[in-house]
Every structure is written in structure tokens, then in C-alpha cells.
Amino acid sequence: MDNVEHSVEETPRHLRDDLRERSPILRVLALVAVVVLTVGGILLFGPTSSEQPTGSVDGLQTSVSENLILNHVPASAFMVSVSLSTVDTHWAEFTVTPTKLAHGAVSEFYGYAHFQSHRWVVITTGTSNVGCATAAAGALVPGNVLDGFGRACPPM
């Protein structure tokens, strides 16, 4: 009976020692498997959904507000509204509207931002025909995205 009790007590310790010896190898194998599956998934199916900004416009609203404040426009002088494109969720339109209290501190304007490299990048701003093609340059915002926001560009 002593032999049986002794072997039962020793088995867990023996297994723990064995696992400790193999643990670094198992960690490396697990890491390699994760990398292979991730790279393989990207190659087969394209970028992961973490690149999708669907519903995420808070970062853009904050960025536009901070830019105005850095340019000495008081936060109480404007409001920023943002709409995510229903045509392509990598595009958003934002509008800056002056508050009644700050008449003259900032003029109303709007612009477009594109979600790239995990962040919103403002592409263009202005007061009319924003994102449209000009004689000097092509369109900055895809036509179908502008249409989705109810905007139309004048004929060239």
C-alpha cells in the first residue's frame, strides 16, 4: 500500500517537471501556428475585420475637433457631426457648424475622411463641391460615395 501511495504522490510532480521541460517548445510551436494561420488567412481572405471602421466615427469627430482647437478655435465655437458612408464604410463625411454664441469665429464647412492604416485621415474640406474633380486634379472622393451622401459634382 505504501508503494501505491508513494507513486500517486510522485506522478503529479513528474508530470509538472516534464511540462516545464517541454513548455518553451510548446510555446514556440503555438506561436508559429498562430502566425501561419493569421498570414494564411490574410492571403486567402484578405485583411481581417479589425480594419473595418463600421460604426466607428468617434475618432474622426475627436480628430476634427482637436484640429480646430489647435488652430485657436474655442471648443464652444463649433459643433462637429459625422456620418459614415452607407456605400463604403471606409469613407465618412463630417460637417463643422458654428454655434450661435460664436458667430464669426468659424465658418461652416464640410469634408471627407478615409479610414486607412487603422485611423481616419481627412482627405479634403471646403464649402462646396468638396471631393469633386477639378481641371487640375481628379476626384478626391469616389463618385458613388458622394452620391451616397446626396452630393453631386458639377459637370467638367
Protein backbone atom coordinates (compact mmCIF):
# COMPACT_ATOMS: atom_id res chain seq x y z
CA MET A 1 0.00 0.00 0.00
CA ASP A 2 2.88 2.38 0.72
CA ASN A 3 4.19 1.87 -2.82
CA VAL A 4 0.82 2.80 -4.30
CA GLU A 5 0.52 5.96 -2.19
CA HIS A 6 4.11 6.88 -2.96
CA SER A 7 3.67 6.51 -6.74
CA VAL A 8 0.45 8.58 -6.73
CA GLU A 9 2.21 11.43 -4.91
CA GLU A 10 5.18 11.35 -7.29
CA THR A 11 3.21 11.31 -10.55
CA PRO A 12 1.98 14.93 -10.49
CA ARG A 13 5.45 16.21 -9.70
CA HIS A 14 6.92 14.13 -12.52
CA LEU A 15 4.30 15.45 -14.96
CA ARG A 16 4.94 19.04 -13.88
CA ASP A 17 8.69 18.63 -14.45
CA ASP A 18 8.03 17.11 -17.86
CA LEU A 19 5.73 20.00 -18.81
CA ARG A 20 8.26 22.57 -17.63
CA GLU A 21 10.91 20.99 -19.85
CA ARG A 22 8.58 21.00 -22.88
CA SER A 23 6.92 24.34 -22.17
CA PRO A 24 9.31 26.55 -24.22
CA ILE A 25 8.99 24.20 -27.19
CA LEU A 26 5.19 24.16 -26.91
CA ARG A 27 5.09 27.97 -26.71
CA VAL A 28 7.21 28.30 -29.85
CA LEU A 29 5.06 25.78 -31.71
CA ALA A 30 1.87 27.58 -30.64
CA LEU A 31 3.29 30.94 -31.77
CA VAL A 32 4.33 29.50 -35.14
CA ALA A 33 0.84 28.03 -35.59
CA VAL A 34 -0.81 31.38 -34.82
CA VAL A 35 1.45 33.22 -37.28
CA VAL A 36 0.90 30.64 -40.04
CA LEU A 37 -2.87 30.69 -39.56
CA THR A 38 -3.00 34.51 -39.47
CA VAL A 39 -0.83 35.02 -42.55
CA GLY A 40 -2.61 32.23 -44.38
CA GLY A 41 -5.99 33.74 -43.53
CA ILE A 42 -4.94 37.16 -44.79
CA LEU A 43 -3.57 35.69 -48.02
CA LEU A 44 -6.72 33.65 -48.60
CA PHE A 45 -9.42 36.01 -47.36
CA GLY A 46 -7.87 39.49 -47.36
CA PRO A 47 -7.40 41.78 -44.34
CA THR A 48 -9.10 40.91 -41.09
CA SER A 49 -12.27 42.64 -39.97
CA SER A 50 -10.33 44.75 -37.46
CA GLU A 51 -9.65 47.05 -40.41
CA GLN A 52 -13.39 47.71 -40.74
CA PRO A 53 -14.47 51.01 -39.16
CA THR A 54 -18.21 50.26 -39.29
CA GLY A 55 -19.95 52.48 -36.73
CA SER A 56 -16.67 53.99 -35.57
CA VAL A 57 -16.83 57.73 -36.15
CA ASP A 58 -15.88 58.93 -32.67
CA GLY A 59 -12.19 59.05 -33.57
CA LEU A 60 -12.89 61.23 -36.60
CA GLN A 61 -15.10 63.60 -34.63
CA THR A 62 -12.41 63.95 -31.98
CA SER A 63 -9.67 64.49 -34.58
CA VAL A 64 -11.57 67.29 -36.38
CA SER A 65 -12.41 68.97 -33.06
CA GLU A 66 -8.81 68.78 -31.82
CA ASN A 67 -7.53 70.23 -35.09
CA LEU A 68 -9.84 73.24 -34.79
CA ILE A 69 -8.87 73.78 -31.14
CA LEU A 70 -5.17 73.61 -32.08
CA ASN A 71 -5.92 76.35 -34.61
CA HIS A 72 -7.21 78.56 -31.78
CA VAL A 73 -10.93 77.99 -32.36
CA PRO A 74 -12.58 77.58 -28.93
CA ALA A 75 -14.44 74.31 -28.45
CA SER A 76 -17.57 76.31 -27.59
CA ALA A 77 -17.49 77.92 -31.06
CA PHE A 78 -18.40 74.89 -33.14
CA MET A 79 -20.15 71.53 -33.38
CA VAL A 80 -18.91 68.58 -35.42
CA SER A 81 -21.24 65.97 -36.87
CA VAL A 82 -20.06 62.85 -38.68
CA SER A 83 -21.86 60.40 -40.95
CA LEU A 84 -20.47 57.06 -42.04
CA SER A 85 -20.97 56.20 -45.71
CA THR A 86 -23.59 53.54 -46.42
CA VAL A 87 -21.86 52.83 -49.75
CA ASP A 88 -18.35 52.21 -48.37
CA THR A 89 -17.80 52.25 -44.61
CA HIS A 90 -14.19 53.32 -45.15
CA TRP A 91 -15.49 56.82 -46.00
CA ALA A 92 -17.14 59.39 -43.75
CA GLU A 93 -18.46 62.91 -44.22
CA PHE A 94 -18.13 65.48 -41.44
CA THR A 95 -19.67 68.92 -41.04
CA VAL A 96 -18.44 71.73 -38.82
CA THR A 97 -21.15 74.20 -37.82
CA PRO A 98 -20.55 77.36 -35.77
CA THR A 99 -22.57 77.76 -32.61
CA LYS A 100 -24.84 80.79 -32.15
CA LEU A 101 -22.57 82.14 -29.42
CA ALA A 102 -19.50 82.16 -31.63
CA HIS A 103 -20.81 83.82 -34.77
CA GLY A 104 -17.79 84.71 -36.92
CA ALA A 105 -15.25 82.55 -35.06
CA VAL A 106 -15.53 79.79 -37.66
CA SER A 107 -17.47 79.37 -40.90
CA GLU A 108 -19.49 76.28 -41.72
CA PHE A 109 -17.63 73.72 -43.84
CA TYR A 110 -17.66 70.02 -44.56
CA GLY A 111 -15.19 67.39 -45.61
CA TYR A 112 -14.44 63.75 -46.18
CA ALA A 113 -12.20 61.31 -44.38
CA HIS A 114 -10.98 57.88 -45.38
CA PHE A 115 -10.24 55.05 -42.91
CA GLN A 116 -6.76 53.71 -43.63
CA SER A 117 -3.99 52.15 -41.56
CA HIS A 118 -6.40 51.78 -38.61
CA ARG A 119 -7.22 55.51 -38.40
CA TRP A 120 -9.28 58.23 -40.06
CA VAL A 121 -7.40 60.51 -42.47
CA VAL A 122 -9.05 63.76 -43.58
CA ILE A 123 -8.85 63.83 -47.38
CA THR A 124 -10.48 67.15 -48.23
CA THR A 125 -12.54 70.01 -46.77
CA GLY A 126 -14.35 73.04 -48.13
CA THR A 127 -17.68 74.80 -48.55
CA SER A 128 -18.91 73.48 -51.91
CA ASN A 129 -18.16 70.70 -54.40
CA VAL A 130 -15.82 69.11 -51.87
CA GLY A 131 -14.16 65.94 -53.15
CA CYS A 132 -15.13 66.61 -56.77
CA ALA A 133 -12.73 66.51 -59.71
CA THR A 134 -11.25 69.81 -60.86
CA ALA A 135 -9.44 70.81 -64.04
CA ALA A 136 -6.16 70.36 -62.17
CA ALA A 137 -6.90 67.09 -60.34
CA GLY A 138 -9.12 64.04 -60.37
CA ALA A 139 -11.83 63.39 -57.84
CA LEU A 140 -10.61 63.02 -54.26
CA VAL A 141 -13.68 61.08 -53.16
CA PRO A 142 -15.26 58.28 -55.23
CA GLY A 143 -18.41 59.37 -57.07
CA ASN A 144 -20.56 56.59 -55.60
CA VAL A 145 -19.57 57.71 -52.08
CA LEU A 146 -20.51 61.33 -52.87
CA ASP A 147 -23.82 60.10 -54.33
CA GLY A 148 -24.46 58.13 -51.15
CA PHE A 149 -24.16 61.34 -49.14
CA GLY A 150 -26.56 63.09 -51.52
CA ARG A 151 -23.81 65.23 -53.05
CA ALA A 152 -23.37 65.82 -56.78
CA CYS A 153 -20.40 67.22 -58.62
CA PRO A 154 -20.80 69.78 -61.39
CA PRO A 155 -20.06 68.57 -64.92
CA MET A 156 -16.46 69.08 -66.05
